N, C-alpha and C. Protein backbone atom coordinates (compact mmCIF):
# COMPACT_ATOMS: atom_id res chain seq x y z
N UNK A 1 35.90 -30.93 24.70
CA UNK A 1 34.80 -31.36 23.86
C UNK A 1 33.57 -30.49 24.11
N UNK A 2 33.29 -30.18 25.41
CA UNK A 2 32.13 -29.34 25.71
C UNK A 2 32.32 -27.94 25.13
N UNK A 3 33.56 -27.45 25.07
CA UNK A 3 33.83 -26.13 24.51
C UNK A 3 33.49 -26.10 23.03
N UNK A 4 33.79 -27.18 22.31
CA UNK A 4 33.48 -27.25 20.88
C UNK A 4 31.97 -27.29 20.68
N UNK A 5 31.28 -28.12 21.45
CA UNK A 5 29.82 -28.21 21.35
C UNK A 5 29.19 -26.88 21.72
N UNK A 6 29.68 -26.26 22.79
CA UNK A 6 29.16 -24.95 23.19
C UNK A 6 29.35 -23.91 22.10
N UNK A 7 30.52 -23.93 21.45
CA UNK A 7 30.80 -23.00 20.36
C UNK A 7 29.88 -23.22 19.18
N UNK A 8 29.61 -24.48 18.84
CA UNK A 8 28.70 -24.81 17.74
C UNK A 8 27.29 -24.34 18.07
N UNK A 9 26.85 -24.53 19.31
CA UNK A 9 25.51 -24.10 19.73
C UNK A 9 25.39 -22.58 19.60
N UNK A 10 26.41 -21.85 20.03
CA UNK A 10 26.39 -20.39 19.94
C UNK A 10 26.29 -19.96 18.48
N UNK A 11 27.09 -20.58 17.60
CA UNK A 11 27.06 -20.25 16.17
C UNK A 11 25.68 -20.54 15.60
N UNK A 12 25.10 -21.68 15.95
CA UNK A 12 23.76 -22.02 15.45
C UNK A 12 22.72 -21.02 15.94
N UNK A 13 22.82 -20.59 17.19
CA UNK A 13 21.87 -19.60 17.71
C UNK A 13 21.99 -18.28 16.97
N UNK A 14 23.21 -17.87 16.68
CA UNK A 14 23.42 -16.62 15.93
C UNK A 14 22.81 -16.75 14.54
N UNK A 15 23.02 -17.88 13.87
CA UNK A 15 22.45 -18.10 12.54
C UNK A 15 20.92 -18.07 12.60
N UNK A 16 20.33 -18.71 13.59
CA UNK A 16 18.87 -18.71 13.74
C UNK A 16 18.35 -17.29 13.95
N UNK A 17 19.01 -16.51 14.77
CA UNK A 17 18.60 -15.12 15.01
C UNK A 17 18.69 -14.31 13.72
N UNK A 18 19.79 -14.47 12.97
CA UNK A 18 19.94 -13.73 11.71
C UNK A 18 18.85 -14.13 10.73
N UNK A 19 18.58 -15.41 10.60
CA UNK A 19 17.51 -15.87 9.70
C UNK A 19 16.18 -15.29 10.14
N UNK A 20 15.91 -15.27 11.42
CA UNK A 20 14.66 -14.71 11.92
C UNK A 20 14.52 -13.24 11.61
N UNK A 21 15.59 -12.48 11.74
CA UNK A 21 15.55 -11.05 11.43
C UNK A 21 15.34 -10.84 9.94
N UNK A 22 16.05 -11.58 9.10
CA UNK A 22 15.90 -11.44 7.65
C UNK A 22 14.50 -11.85 7.22
N UNK A 23 13.97 -12.93 7.76
CA UNK A 23 12.64 -13.40 7.37
C UNK A 23 11.55 -12.45 7.82
N UNK A 24 11.74 -11.75 8.92
CA UNK A 24 10.68 -10.89 9.44
C UNK A 24 10.81 -9.43 9.00
N UNK A 25 11.87 -9.07 8.26
CA UNK A 25 12.06 -7.66 7.91
C UNK A 25 10.97 -7.13 7.00
N UNK A 26 10.28 -8.01 6.26
CA UNK A 26 9.22 -7.57 5.37
C UNK A 26 7.87 -7.46 6.06
N UNK A 27 7.80 -7.84 7.31
CA UNK A 27 6.54 -7.79 8.01
C UNK A 27 6.54 -6.62 8.97
N UNK A 28 5.61 -5.72 8.76
CA UNK A 28 5.44 -4.64 9.73
C UNK A 28 4.11 -4.88 10.41
N UNK A 29 4.15 -5.12 11.67
CA UNK A 29 2.92 -5.38 12.41
C UNK A 29 2.44 -4.12 13.10
N UNK A 30 3.25 -3.10 13.05
CA UNK A 30 2.96 -1.86 13.74
C UNK A 30 3.25 -0.74 12.75
N UNK A 31 2.31 0.18 12.56
CA UNK A 31 2.54 1.24 11.59
C UNK A 31 3.70 2.13 11.98
N UNK A 32 4.14 2.05 13.23
CA UNK A 32 5.33 2.81 13.63
C UNK A 32 6.58 2.31 12.92
N UNK A 33 6.52 1.09 12.36
CA UNK A 33 7.66 0.53 11.64
C UNK A 33 7.79 1.10 10.23
N UNK A 34 6.76 1.77 9.73
CA UNK A 34 6.77 2.31 8.36
C UNK A 34 7.15 3.78 8.38
N UNK A 35 7.81 4.20 7.30
CA UNK A 35 8.20 5.61 7.18
C UNK A 35 7.86 6.11 5.78
N UNK A 36 7.80 7.41 5.62
CA UNK A 36 7.50 8.01 4.32
C UNK A 36 8.45 7.47 3.26
N UNK A 37 7.87 7.09 2.13
CA UNK A 37 8.64 6.54 1.03
C UNK A 37 8.67 5.03 0.99
N UNK A 38 8.32 4.36 2.10
CA UNK A 38 8.24 2.90 2.11
C UNK A 38 7.05 2.46 1.26
N UNK A 39 7.14 1.27 0.68
CA UNK A 39 6.01 0.69 -0.04
C UNK A 39 5.49 -0.50 0.75
N UNK A 40 4.16 -0.61 0.81
CA UNK A 40 3.54 -1.69 1.57
C UNK A 40 2.37 -2.27 0.79
N UNK A 41 2.09 -3.53 1.04
CA UNK A 41 0.83 -4.13 0.61
C UNK A 41 -0.03 -4.22 1.86
N UNK A 42 -1.34 -4.28 1.65
CA UNK A 42 -2.26 -4.40 2.78
C UNK A 42 -3.22 -5.53 2.45
N UNK A 43 -3.24 -6.55 3.29
CA UNK A 43 -4.14 -7.69 3.10
C UNK A 43 -5.00 -7.84 4.34
N UNK A 44 -5.87 -8.83 4.32
CA UNK A 44 -6.74 -9.06 5.47
C UNK A 44 -8.09 -8.41 5.28
N UNK A 45 -8.71 -8.04 6.39
CA UNK A 45 -10.04 -7.44 6.36
C UNK A 45 -9.97 -6.02 6.91
N UNK A 46 -11.08 -5.31 6.82
CA UNK A 46 -11.10 -3.93 7.29
C UNK A 46 -10.81 -3.84 8.78
N UNK A 47 -11.17 -4.86 9.53
CA UNK A 47 -10.93 -4.83 10.98
C UNK A 47 -9.59 -5.46 11.37
N UNK A 48 -8.94 -6.12 10.42
CA UNK A 48 -7.66 -6.76 10.72
C UNK A 48 -6.72 -6.63 9.52
N UNK A 49 -6.50 -5.40 9.07
CA UNK A 49 -5.61 -5.16 7.94
C UNK A 49 -4.18 -5.49 8.32
N UNK A 50 -3.48 -6.17 7.42
CA UNK A 50 -2.11 -6.60 7.69
C UNK A 50 -1.17 -5.96 6.68
N UNK A 51 -0.38 -4.97 7.11
CA UNK A 51 0.59 -4.36 6.20
C UNK A 51 1.87 -5.18 6.10
N UNK A 52 2.50 -5.12 4.92
CA UNK A 52 3.77 -5.81 4.71
C UNK A 52 4.60 -4.96 3.76
N UNK A 53 5.85 -4.75 4.08
CA UNK A 53 6.70 -3.95 3.20
C UNK A 53 7.07 -4.75 1.95
N UNK A 54 7.15 -4.04 0.82
CA UNK A 54 7.54 -4.65 -0.46
C UNK A 54 8.45 -3.67 -1.19
N UNK A 55 9.10 -4.16 -2.22
CA UNK A 55 9.89 -3.31 -3.10
C UNK A 55 8.92 -2.44 -3.89
N UNK A 56 9.18 -1.15 -3.98
CA UNK A 56 8.28 -0.24 -4.68
C UNK A 56 8.14 -0.58 -6.16
N UNK A 57 9.11 -1.27 -6.75
CA UNK A 57 9.04 -1.68 -8.14
C UNK A 57 8.41 -3.04 -8.34
N UNK A 58 7.86 -3.61 -7.28
CA UNK A 58 7.24 -4.93 -7.32
C UNK A 58 6.08 -4.97 -8.30
N UNK A 59 5.84 -6.16 -8.89
CA UNK A 59 4.68 -6.35 -9.75
C UNK A 59 3.39 -6.41 -8.94
N UNK A 60 3.51 -6.64 -7.65
CA UNK A 60 2.35 -6.70 -6.76
C UNK A 60 1.86 -5.29 -6.47
N UNK A 61 0.55 -5.07 -6.58
CA UNK A 61 -0.01 -3.75 -6.28
C UNK A 61 0.36 -3.36 -4.86
N UNK A 62 0.78 -2.11 -4.69
CA UNK A 62 1.18 -1.65 -3.36
C UNK A 62 0.88 -0.18 -3.18
N UNK A 63 1.07 0.28 -1.98
CA UNK A 63 0.89 1.68 -1.62
C UNK A 63 2.24 2.25 -1.20
N UNK A 64 2.43 3.55 -1.45
CA UNK A 64 3.60 4.26 -0.96
C UNK A 64 3.17 5.04 0.27
N UNK A 65 3.92 4.93 1.35
CA UNK A 65 3.61 5.68 2.56
C UNK A 65 3.96 7.15 2.30
N UNK A 66 2.95 8.03 2.37
CA UNK A 66 3.16 9.46 2.16
C UNK A 66 3.63 10.11 3.45
N UNK A 67 2.94 9.78 4.54
CA UNK A 67 3.30 10.34 5.84
C UNK A 67 2.56 9.58 6.93
N UNK A 68 3.00 9.78 8.16
CA UNK A 68 2.32 9.24 9.33
C UNK A 68 1.82 10.42 10.14
N UNK A 69 0.54 10.36 10.53
CA UNK A 69 -0.07 11.43 11.33
C UNK A 69 -0.72 10.81 12.56
N UNK A 70 -1.05 11.65 13.53
CA UNK A 70 -1.78 11.18 14.70
C UNK A 70 -3.12 10.61 14.25
N UNK A 71 -3.65 9.66 15.01
CA UNK A 71 -4.89 8.98 14.64
C UNK A 71 -6.06 9.90 14.36
N UNK A 72 -6.17 11.01 15.08
CA UNK A 72 -7.28 11.93 14.88
C UNK A 72 -7.03 12.97 13.80
N UNK A 73 -5.82 13.04 13.30
CA UNK A 73 -5.46 14.03 12.28
C UNK A 73 -5.87 13.55 10.89
N UNK A 74 -5.93 14.50 9.97
CA UNK A 74 -6.28 14.17 8.59
C UNK A 74 -5.03 14.10 7.72
N UNK A 75 -5.12 13.32 6.67
CA UNK A 75 -4.06 13.29 5.67
C UNK A 75 -4.12 14.60 4.88
N UNK A 76 -3.08 14.86 4.08
CA UNK A 76 -2.96 16.12 3.34
C UNK A 76 -4.19 16.43 2.48
N UNK A 77 -4.79 15.42 1.88
CA UNK A 77 -6.06 15.61 1.16
C UNK A 77 -6.83 14.30 1.14
N UNK A 78 -8.05 14.38 0.67
CA UNK A 78 -8.94 13.21 0.71
C UNK A 78 -8.55 12.11 -0.26
N UNK A 79 -7.62 12.38 -1.18
CA UNK A 79 -7.21 11.37 -2.15
C UNK A 79 -6.40 10.24 -1.50
N UNK A 80 -5.74 10.55 -0.39
CA UNK A 80 -4.89 9.55 0.25
C UNK A 80 -5.73 8.44 0.87
N UNK A 81 -5.29 7.20 0.68
CA UNK A 81 -5.89 6.08 1.40
C UNK A 81 -5.30 6.11 2.81
N UNK A 82 -5.99 5.46 3.74
CA UNK A 82 -5.54 5.53 5.13
C UNK A 82 -5.51 4.15 5.77
N UNK A 83 -4.51 3.95 6.60
CA UNK A 83 -4.43 2.75 7.43
C UNK A 83 -4.18 3.22 8.85
N UNK A 84 -5.14 2.95 9.73
CA UNK A 84 -5.07 3.41 11.11
C UNK A 84 -4.93 2.22 12.05
N UNK A 85 -4.07 2.36 13.04
CA UNK A 85 -3.99 1.38 14.11
C UNK A 85 -4.25 2.13 15.41
N UNK A 86 -5.17 1.58 16.20
CA UNK A 86 -5.57 2.22 17.45
C UNK A 86 -4.36 2.54 18.31
N UNK A 87 -4.33 3.77 18.80
CA UNK A 87 -3.27 4.27 19.68
C UNK A 87 -1.89 4.34 19.02
N UNK A 88 -1.82 4.18 17.69
CA UNK A 88 -0.53 4.21 17.01
C UNK A 88 -0.49 5.22 15.87
N UNK A 89 -1.61 5.78 15.54
CA UNK A 89 -1.63 6.77 14.47
C UNK A 89 -2.20 6.24 13.18
N UNK A 90 -1.91 6.98 12.12
CA UNK A 90 -2.49 6.71 10.82
C UNK A 90 -1.41 6.88 9.75
N UNK A 91 -1.39 5.95 8.79
CA UNK A 91 -0.53 6.10 7.62
C UNK A 91 -1.37 6.66 6.49
N UNK A 92 -0.87 7.70 5.85
CA UNK A 92 -1.50 8.26 4.66
C UNK A 92 -0.79 7.61 3.47
N UNK A 93 -1.55 6.96 2.62
CA UNK A 93 -0.98 6.10 1.58
C UNK A 93 -1.36 6.56 0.18
N UNK A 94 -0.43 6.43 -0.74
CA UNK A 94 -0.64 6.73 -2.15
C UNK A 94 -0.64 5.40 -2.90
N UNK A 95 -1.70 5.13 -3.69
CA UNK A 95 -1.68 3.89 -4.47
C UNK A 95 -0.57 3.96 -5.52
N UNK A 96 0.18 2.89 -5.65
CA UNK A 96 1.28 2.82 -6.62
C UNK A 96 0.76 2.08 -7.85
N UNK A 97 -0.02 2.79 -8.66
CA UNK A 97 -0.70 2.19 -9.82
C UNK A 97 0.14 2.37 -11.08
N UNK A 98 -0.10 1.50 -12.05
CA UNK A 98 0.66 1.50 -13.30
C UNK A 98 -0.26 1.78 -14.49
N UNK A 99 0.29 2.44 -15.51
CA UNK A 99 -0.46 2.79 -16.71
C UNK A 99 -0.97 1.53 -17.40
N UNK A 100 -2.21 1.62 -17.90
CA UNK A 100 -2.91 0.55 -18.63
C UNK A 100 -3.32 -0.63 -17.75
N UNK A 101 -3.20 -0.49 -16.45
CA UNK A 101 -3.71 -1.52 -15.54
C UNK A 101 -4.99 -1.00 -14.90
N UNK A 102 -5.78 -1.92 -14.37
CA UNK A 102 -7.07 -1.57 -13.79
C UNK A 102 -7.09 -1.90 -12.30
N UNK A 103 -7.85 -1.08 -11.57
CA UNK A 103 -7.89 -1.19 -10.11
C UNK A 103 -9.30 -0.98 -9.62
N UNK A 104 -9.65 -1.72 -8.58
CA UNK A 104 -10.93 -1.51 -7.92
C UNK A 104 -10.70 -0.54 -6.76
N UNK A 105 -11.44 0.56 -6.79
CA UNK A 105 -11.37 1.54 -5.70
C UNK A 105 -12.48 1.23 -4.72
N UNK A 106 -12.20 1.30 -3.45
CA UNK A 106 -13.20 1.03 -2.41
C UNK A 106 -14.32 2.06 -2.49
N UNK A 107 -15.53 1.62 -2.25
CA UNK A 107 -16.67 2.52 -2.22
C UNK A 107 -16.80 3.20 -0.88
N UNK A 108 -17.84 4.03 -0.72
CA UNK A 108 -18.07 4.69 0.57
C UNK A 108 -18.18 3.66 1.68
N UNK A 109 -17.48 3.87 2.75
CA UNK A 109 -17.50 2.93 3.86
C UNK A 109 -16.66 1.69 3.62
N UNK A 110 -15.98 1.63 2.47
CA UNK A 110 -15.14 0.49 2.15
C UNK A 110 -13.83 0.54 2.92
N UNK A 111 -13.04 -0.46 2.71
CA UNK A 111 -11.77 -0.61 3.42
C UNK A 111 -10.61 -0.49 2.46
N UNK A 112 -9.46 -0.15 2.98
CA UNK A 112 -8.25 -0.12 2.17
C UNK A 112 -7.97 -1.49 1.57
N UNK A 113 -8.43 -2.55 2.22
CA UNK A 113 -8.21 -3.90 1.69
C UNK A 113 -9.08 -4.18 0.47
N UNK A 114 -10.07 -3.31 0.19
CA UNK A 114 -10.90 -3.45 -1.01
C UNK A 114 -10.22 -2.86 -2.24
N UNK A 115 -9.17 -2.06 -2.06
CA UNK A 115 -8.45 -1.39 -3.14
C UNK A 115 -7.46 -2.39 -3.71
N UNK A 116 -7.74 -2.93 -4.91
CA UNK A 116 -6.92 -3.99 -5.47
C UNK A 116 -6.76 -3.84 -6.97
N UNK A 117 -5.74 -4.49 -7.51
CA UNK A 117 -5.61 -4.58 -8.96
C UNK A 117 -6.57 -5.66 -9.44
N UNK A 118 -7.28 -5.39 -10.54
CA UNK A 118 -8.26 -6.33 -11.09
C UNK A 118 -8.11 -6.41 -12.60
N UNK A 119 -8.76 -7.40 -13.20
CA UNK A 119 -8.84 -7.47 -14.66
C UNK A 119 -9.64 -6.27 -15.15
N UNK A 120 -9.29 -5.74 -16.30
CA UNK A 120 -9.95 -4.52 -16.77
C UNK A 120 -11.44 -4.71 -17.07
N UNK A 121 -11.89 -5.90 -17.33
CA UNK A 121 -13.31 -6.13 -17.56
C UNK A 121 -14.07 -6.55 -16.31
N UNK A 122 -13.43 -6.48 -15.16
CA UNK A 122 -14.04 -6.96 -13.91
C UNK A 122 -15.23 -6.11 -13.50
N UNK A 123 -16.20 -6.78 -12.92
CA UNK A 123 -17.37 -6.10 -12.36
C UNK A 123 -16.98 -5.57 -10.98
N UNK A 124 -17.33 -4.31 -10.68
CA UNK A 124 -17.01 -3.78 -9.35
C UNK A 124 -17.71 -4.56 -8.24
N UNK A 125 -17.08 -4.62 -7.09
CA UNK A 125 -17.69 -5.26 -5.93
C UNK A 125 -18.89 -4.44 -5.47
N UNK A 126 -19.72 -5.04 -4.65
CA UNK A 126 -20.88 -4.34 -4.09
C UNK A 126 -20.42 -3.17 -3.22
N UNK A 127 -21.34 -2.28 -2.92
CA UNK A 127 -21.05 -1.21 -1.98
C UNK A 127 -20.49 0.05 -2.61
N UNK A 128 -20.68 0.23 -3.91
CA UNK A 128 -20.24 1.47 -4.54
C UNK A 128 -18.81 1.49 -5.01
N UNK A 129 -18.14 0.35 -5.01
CA UNK A 129 -16.77 0.31 -5.52
C UNK A 129 -16.77 0.62 -7.01
N UNK A 130 -15.67 1.14 -7.51
CA UNK A 130 -15.52 1.43 -8.93
C UNK A 130 -14.25 0.78 -9.45
N UNK A 131 -14.29 0.39 -10.73
CA UNK A 131 -13.10 -0.10 -11.40
C UNK A 131 -12.62 1.00 -12.34
N UNK A 132 -11.33 1.32 -12.26
CA UNK A 132 -10.75 2.37 -13.09
C UNK A 132 -9.55 1.83 -13.86
N UNK A 133 -9.28 2.48 -14.99
CA UNK A 133 -8.07 2.21 -15.76
C UNK A 133 -7.15 3.41 -15.63
N UNK A 134 -5.87 3.16 -15.40
CA UNK A 134 -4.89 4.25 -15.33
C UNK A 134 -4.48 4.58 -16.76
N UNK A 135 -4.84 5.78 -17.22
CA UNK A 135 -4.53 6.25 -18.57
C UNK A 135 -3.17 6.94 -18.64
N UNK A 136 -2.79 7.59 -17.55
CA UNK A 136 -1.54 8.34 -17.53
C UNK A 136 -1.04 8.41 -16.10
N UNK A 137 0.27 8.47 -15.96
CA UNK A 137 0.92 8.61 -14.65
C UNK A 137 2.12 9.52 -14.84
N UNK A 138 2.21 10.55 -14.01
CA UNK A 138 3.33 11.48 -14.11
C UNK A 138 3.84 11.82 -12.71
N UNK A 139 5.13 12.04 -12.61
CA UNK A 139 5.74 12.44 -11.35
C UNK A 139 5.57 13.95 -11.18
N UNK A 140 4.32 14.38 -11.07
CA UNK A 140 3.99 15.80 -10.95
C UNK A 140 2.58 15.94 -10.39
N UNK A 141 2.26 17.10 -9.85
CA UNK A 141 0.90 17.32 -9.35
C UNK A 141 0.00 17.93 -10.41
N UNK A 142 0.55 18.30 -11.55
CA UNK A 142 -0.23 18.72 -12.71
C UNK A 142 -0.13 17.59 -13.73
N UNK A 143 -1.29 17.12 -14.23
CA UNK A 143 -1.26 15.99 -15.15
C UNK A 143 -2.20 16.25 -16.32
N UNK A 144 -1.78 15.88 -17.52
CA UNK A 144 -2.60 16.00 -18.71
C UNK A 144 -3.68 14.92 -18.63
N UNK A 145 -4.92 15.35 -18.46
CA UNK A 145 -6.00 14.39 -18.26
C UNK A 145 -7.29 14.94 -18.87
N UNK A 146 -7.34 15.01 -20.19
CA UNK A 146 -8.53 15.55 -20.85
C UNK A 146 -9.65 14.53 -20.95
N UNK A 147 -9.32 13.24 -20.93
CA UNK A 147 -10.34 12.20 -21.09
C UNK A 147 -10.51 11.34 -19.85
N UNK A 148 -10.33 11.93 -18.68
CA UNK A 148 -10.46 11.14 -17.47
C UNK A 148 -10.55 12.02 -16.24
N UNK A 149 -10.26 11.42 -15.11
CA UNK A 149 -10.34 12.10 -13.82
C UNK A 149 -8.92 12.24 -13.28
N UNK A 150 -8.45 13.48 -13.07
CA UNK A 150 -7.10 13.64 -12.51
C UNK A 150 -7.11 13.43 -11.00
N UNK A 151 -6.15 12.68 -10.51
CA UNK A 151 -5.95 12.46 -9.07
C UNK A 151 -4.48 12.75 -8.80
N UNK A 152 -4.21 13.66 -7.84
CA UNK A 152 -2.82 14.03 -7.59
C UNK A 152 -2.47 13.92 -6.11
N UNK A 153 -1.19 13.72 -5.87
CA UNK A 153 -0.64 13.60 -4.52
C UNK A 153 0.63 14.44 -4.44
N UNK A 154 0.83 15.12 -3.33
CA UNK A 154 2.04 15.92 -3.13
C UNK A 154 3.11 15.16 -2.36
N UNK A 155 2.70 14.24 -1.50
CA UNK A 155 3.64 13.52 -0.65
C UNK A 155 3.61 12.03 -0.97
N UNK A 156 4.67 11.27 -0.81
CA UNK A 156 5.98 11.70 -0.37
C UNK A 156 6.75 12.44 -1.47
N UNK A 157 6.39 12.21 -2.73
CA UNK A 157 6.91 12.98 -3.86
C UNK A 157 5.73 13.25 -4.79
N UNK A 158 5.76 14.32 -5.57
CA UNK A 158 4.63 14.63 -6.45
C UNK A 158 4.31 13.47 -7.40
N UNK A 159 3.01 13.16 -7.50
CA UNK A 159 2.55 12.08 -8.37
C UNK A 159 1.13 12.37 -8.81
N UNK A 160 0.87 12.15 -10.09
CA UNK A 160 -0.47 12.36 -10.61
C UNK A 160 -0.89 11.21 -11.50
N UNK A 161 -2.19 10.92 -11.46
CA UNK A 161 -2.78 9.88 -12.30
C UNK A 161 -3.93 10.48 -13.10
N UNK A 162 -4.15 9.94 -14.29
CA UNK A 162 -5.37 10.21 -15.04
C UNK A 162 -6.12 8.88 -15.08
N UNK A 163 -7.30 8.86 -14.48
CA UNK A 163 -8.08 7.62 -14.36
C UNK A 163 -9.34 7.69 -15.21
N UNK A 164 -9.68 6.58 -15.85
CA UNK A 164 -10.94 6.46 -16.58
C UNK A 164 -11.78 5.42 -15.86
N UNK A 165 -13.02 5.78 -15.55
CA UNK A 165 -13.93 4.85 -14.88
C UNK A 165 -14.41 3.83 -15.89
N UNK A 166 -14.28 2.56 -15.56
CA UNK A 166 -14.76 1.48 -16.43
C UNK A 166 -16.25 1.30 -16.18
N UNK A 167 -17.01 1.21 -17.24
CA UNK A 167 -18.46 1.04 -17.11
C UNK A 167 -18.87 -0.40 -17.34
N UNK A 168 -17.94 -1.32 -17.18
CA UNK A 168 -18.21 -2.73 -17.41
C UNK A 168 -19.19 -3.27 -16.38
N UNK A 169 -20.03 -4.16 -16.84
CA UNK A 169 -20.95 -4.84 -15.93
C UNK A 169 -20.49 -6.27 -15.69
N UNK A 170 -19.28 -6.58 -16.15
CA UNK A 170 -18.69 -7.89 -15.91
C UNK A 170 -19.01 -8.84 -16.90
């Protein structure tokens, strides 16, 4: 009888461990867990940003990890957003934006957590943030952008956006 109970306990422990692994696979608490090509959302505050992996095709606004560099190193260009964890390095991130949607870009001194999808008529947050509309998106570093601002990324794969600044006052 004890052998049967012991066997059931072992099976239950294995199931609990598997559930724990599956439930936690979307949570990266350490930027060392992320690799180029992964997609993440970033929530929280500038001093306590919380990354979480998501499907790159998700309806939720996310970033694509372009590369990981040492904390003191720079990303490939200034267009990349950055998520740094002390003593663990820095993730260089590409916003995964969609055509005809609007996004608030963080202003000077802002945080990656300020970069969010918003309603197209939204008033920008304080501190120099801007709201932009994505007019065009191409899987290339050259983009047709005669009526906007071209923003391009080389890593993890070539991507370009044509952005129009919204002048809405809300």
